[in-house]
Amino acid sequence: MSDQKNLKEIYNEKGETISPVLPEDVKNFLIDIDGTICDDIPNEEPERMSTAVPFPDALKILNKWYEEGHNICFFTSRTEEHRGVTEEWLKKHNFKYHSILFGKPRGGNYHWIDNHIVKATRFKGKFTDLVVQTRDIEVFKH
């Protein structure tokens, strides 16, 4: 898959380059696989990965986001040994994406800490276009 495009160089107050950023209208979508775009299959049953049933709404929305110019990165708890079956399954079902990160920690209860803005959306059974809602979040104390 292709490398990320549209990254803009930015600089700190000393004029040194820092991590580049995307334009505001382009999103980096990090999307889980098992239980989010298809049946929930544990790593201990890899023989089921090739026959997982994709969620049609996930395929439609993710490919739409891809076509709109957003970056689609699958972020999965599957391990590198599952790369072949995973990439083949995504191709078979026509999922468009830019990259896959394997080895996401298992068990949920994620708390992502980053120096960039992070927006999180919990998948609850159906992909749709995203809407803006306000929720309470945990932040660092000043």
Protein backbone atom coordinates (compact mmCIF):
# COMPACT_ATOMS: atom_id res chain seq x y z
CA MET A 1 0.00 0.00 0.00
CA SER A 2 1.08 3.61 -0.44
CA ASP A 3 2.84 5.89 2.02
CA GLN A 4 0.98 8.73 3.67
CA LYS A 5 0.66 11.79 1.48
CA ASN A 6 -0.17 15.43 2.09
CA LEU A 7 2.00 15.74 5.20
CA LYS A 8 3.02 19.34 5.89
CA GLU A 9 6.30 20.26 7.57
CA ILE A 10 5.90 22.29 10.74
CA TYR A 11 8.41 23.94 13.06
CA ASN A 12 8.75 24.65 16.77
CA GLU A 13 9.52 28.06 18.26
CA LYS A 14 13.28 27.46 17.66
CA GLY A 15 12.68 26.88 13.94
CA GLU A 16 13.41 23.14 14.24
CA THR A 17 11.27 20.70 12.30
CA ILE A 18 8.84 18.63 14.36
CA SER A 19 6.46 15.82 13.44
CA PRO A 20 4.59 16.73 10.25
CA VAL A 21 0.80 17.10 10.21
CA LEU A 22 -1.99 16.41 7.77
CA PRO A 23 -4.25 19.15 6.45
CA GLU A 24 -7.25 19.65 8.77
CA ASP A 25 -9.66 18.08 6.27
CA VAL A 26 -7.72 14.79 6.06
CA LYS A 27 -8.06 12.20 8.83
CA ASN A 28 -5.92 9.25 9.87
CA PHE A 29 -8.43 6.50 10.60
CA LEU A 30 -7.01 3.68 12.75
CA ILE A 31 -9.52 0.87 12.55
CA ASP A 32 -9.65 -2.45 14.35
CA ILE A 33 -10.44 -5.57 12.32
CA ASP A 34 -11.92 -8.33 14.50
CA GLY A 35 -15.34 -7.39 15.81
CA THR A 36 -15.22 -4.01 14.02
CA ILE A 37 -15.17 -4.71 10.27
CA CYS A 38 -15.93 -8.44 10.48
CA ASP A 39 -16.73 -11.29 12.86
CA ASP A 40 -14.75 -11.19 16.10
CA ILE A 41 -12.10 -13.90 15.78
CA PRO A 42 -9.43 -14.47 18.44
CA ASN A 43 -5.78 -14.99 17.46
CA GLU A 44 -5.99 -18.49 18.92
CA GLU A 45 -8.33 -19.50 16.04
CA PRO A 46 -6.51 -18.23 12.92
CA GLU A 47 -8.16 -20.87 10.73
CA ARG A 48 -11.38 -18.78 10.97
CA MET A 49 -9.73 -15.56 9.72
CA SER A 50 -10.00 -16.43 6.03
CA THR A 51 -13.74 -17.13 6.28
CA ALA A 52 -14.75 -14.18 8.47
CA VAL A 53 -17.90 -12.41 7.33
CA PRO A 54 -17.29 -8.71 6.59
CA PHE A 55 -19.76 -6.12 7.84
CA PRO A 56 -21.21 -4.53 4.65
CA ASP A 57 -21.64 -1.11 6.26
CA ALA A 58 -17.95 -1.12 7.27
CA LEU A 59 -16.83 -1.87 3.72
CA LYS A 60 -19.06 0.88 2.30
CA ILE A 61 -18.04 3.61 4.78
CA LEU A 62 -14.31 2.77 4.88
CA ASN A 63 -14.03 2.71 1.10
CA LYS A 64 -15.94 6.01 0.98
CA TRP A 65 -13.47 7.58 3.44
CA TYR A 66 -10.58 6.21 1.37
CA GLU A 67 -12.04 7.73 -1.81
CA GLU A 68 -12.49 11.07 0.02
CA GLY A 69 -8.71 11.12 0.57
CA HIS A 70 -8.53 10.03 4.21
CA ASN A 71 -5.84 7.58 5.38
CA ILE A 72 -7.13 4.13 6.29
CA CYS A 73 -4.86 2.16 8.61
CA PHE A 74 -5.99 -1.10 10.14
CA PHE A 75 -4.69 -1.43 13.71
CA THR A 76 -5.18 -4.98 14.86
CA SER A 77 -4.34 -7.33 17.72
CA ARG A 78 -3.56 -9.96 15.11
CA THR A 79 0.16 -10.75 15.02
CA GLU A 80 2.63 -10.59 12.13
CA GLU A 81 2.10 -14.32 11.56
CA HIS A 82 -1.47 -13.40 10.53
CA ARG A 83 -0.34 -10.82 7.94
CA GLY A 84 -0.81 -13.08 4.89
CA VAL A 85 -4.32 -14.27 5.72
CA THR A 86 -5.33 -10.75 6.79
CA GLU A 87 -4.09 -9.01 3.63
CA GLU A 88 -5.62 -11.72 1.44
CA TRP A 89 -8.98 -11.39 3.24
CA LEU A 90 -8.98 -7.58 2.88
CA LYS A 91 -8.19 -7.91 -0.84
CA LYS A 92 -10.83 -10.63 -1.36
CA HIS A 93 -13.51 -8.38 0.15
CA ASN A 94 -12.31 -5.22 -1.65
CA PHE A 95 -11.37 -3.15 1.41
CA LYS A 96 -9.30 -0.13 0.34
CA TYR A 97 -6.59 0.87 2.80
CA HIS A 98 -3.13 2.35 3.08
CA SER A 99 -1.48 0.31 5.84
CA ILE A 100 -1.89 -2.25 8.62
CA LEU A 101 -0.32 -2.20 12.07
CA PHE A 102 -0.18 -5.60 13.76
CA GLY A 103 0.30 -6.35 17.46
CA LYS A 104 -2.15 -3.92 19.06
CA PRO A 105 -2.37 -4.82 22.76
CA ARG A 106 -5.25 -7.17 23.51
CA GLY A 107 -7.93 -6.69 26.11
CA GLY A 108 -9.47 -3.32 25.28
CA ASN A 109 -9.60 -0.54 27.89
CA TYR A 110 -7.38 1.56 25.62
CA HIS A 111 -6.10 4.96 26.66
CA TRP A 112 -4.14 6.63 23.88
CA ILE A 113 -1.66 9.35 24.90
CA ASP A 114 -0.14 11.41 22.09
CA ASN A 115 1.19 14.91 21.42
CA HIS A 116 -1.30 15.19 18.55
CA ILE A 117 -5.08 15.52 18.84
CA VAL A 118 -6.72 12.11 19.18
CA LYS A 119 -10.41 11.53 18.56
CA ALA A 120 -11.80 8.16 19.58
CA THR A 121 -15.00 6.50 18.43
CA ARG A 122 -16.17 3.26 19.98
CA PHE A 123 -17.66 0.86 17.45
CA LYS A 124 -21.06 -0.35 18.59
CA GLY A 125 -22.25 -2.55 15.76
CA LYS A 126 -22.78 -0.32 12.71
CA PHE A 127 -20.63 1.95 10.56
CA THR A 128 -22.19 5.25 9.50
CA ASP A 129 -20.87 8.68 8.68
CA LEU A 130 -19.49 10.31 11.82
CA VAL A 131 -21.37 13.05 13.69
CA VAL A 132 -20.07 15.53 16.25
CA GLN A 133 -21.15 14.94 19.85
CA THR A 134 -19.69 16.17 23.13
CA ARG A 135 -18.61 13.63 25.75
CA ASP A 136 -16.61 13.75 28.96
CA ILE A 137 -13.03 12.56 28.58
CA GLU A 138 -10.05 12.03 30.84
CA VAL A 139 -7.27 14.62 30.43
CA PHE A 140 -4.00 15.47 32.15
CA LYS A 141 -4.39 17.73 35.19
CA HIS A 142 -2.87 21.21 34.70
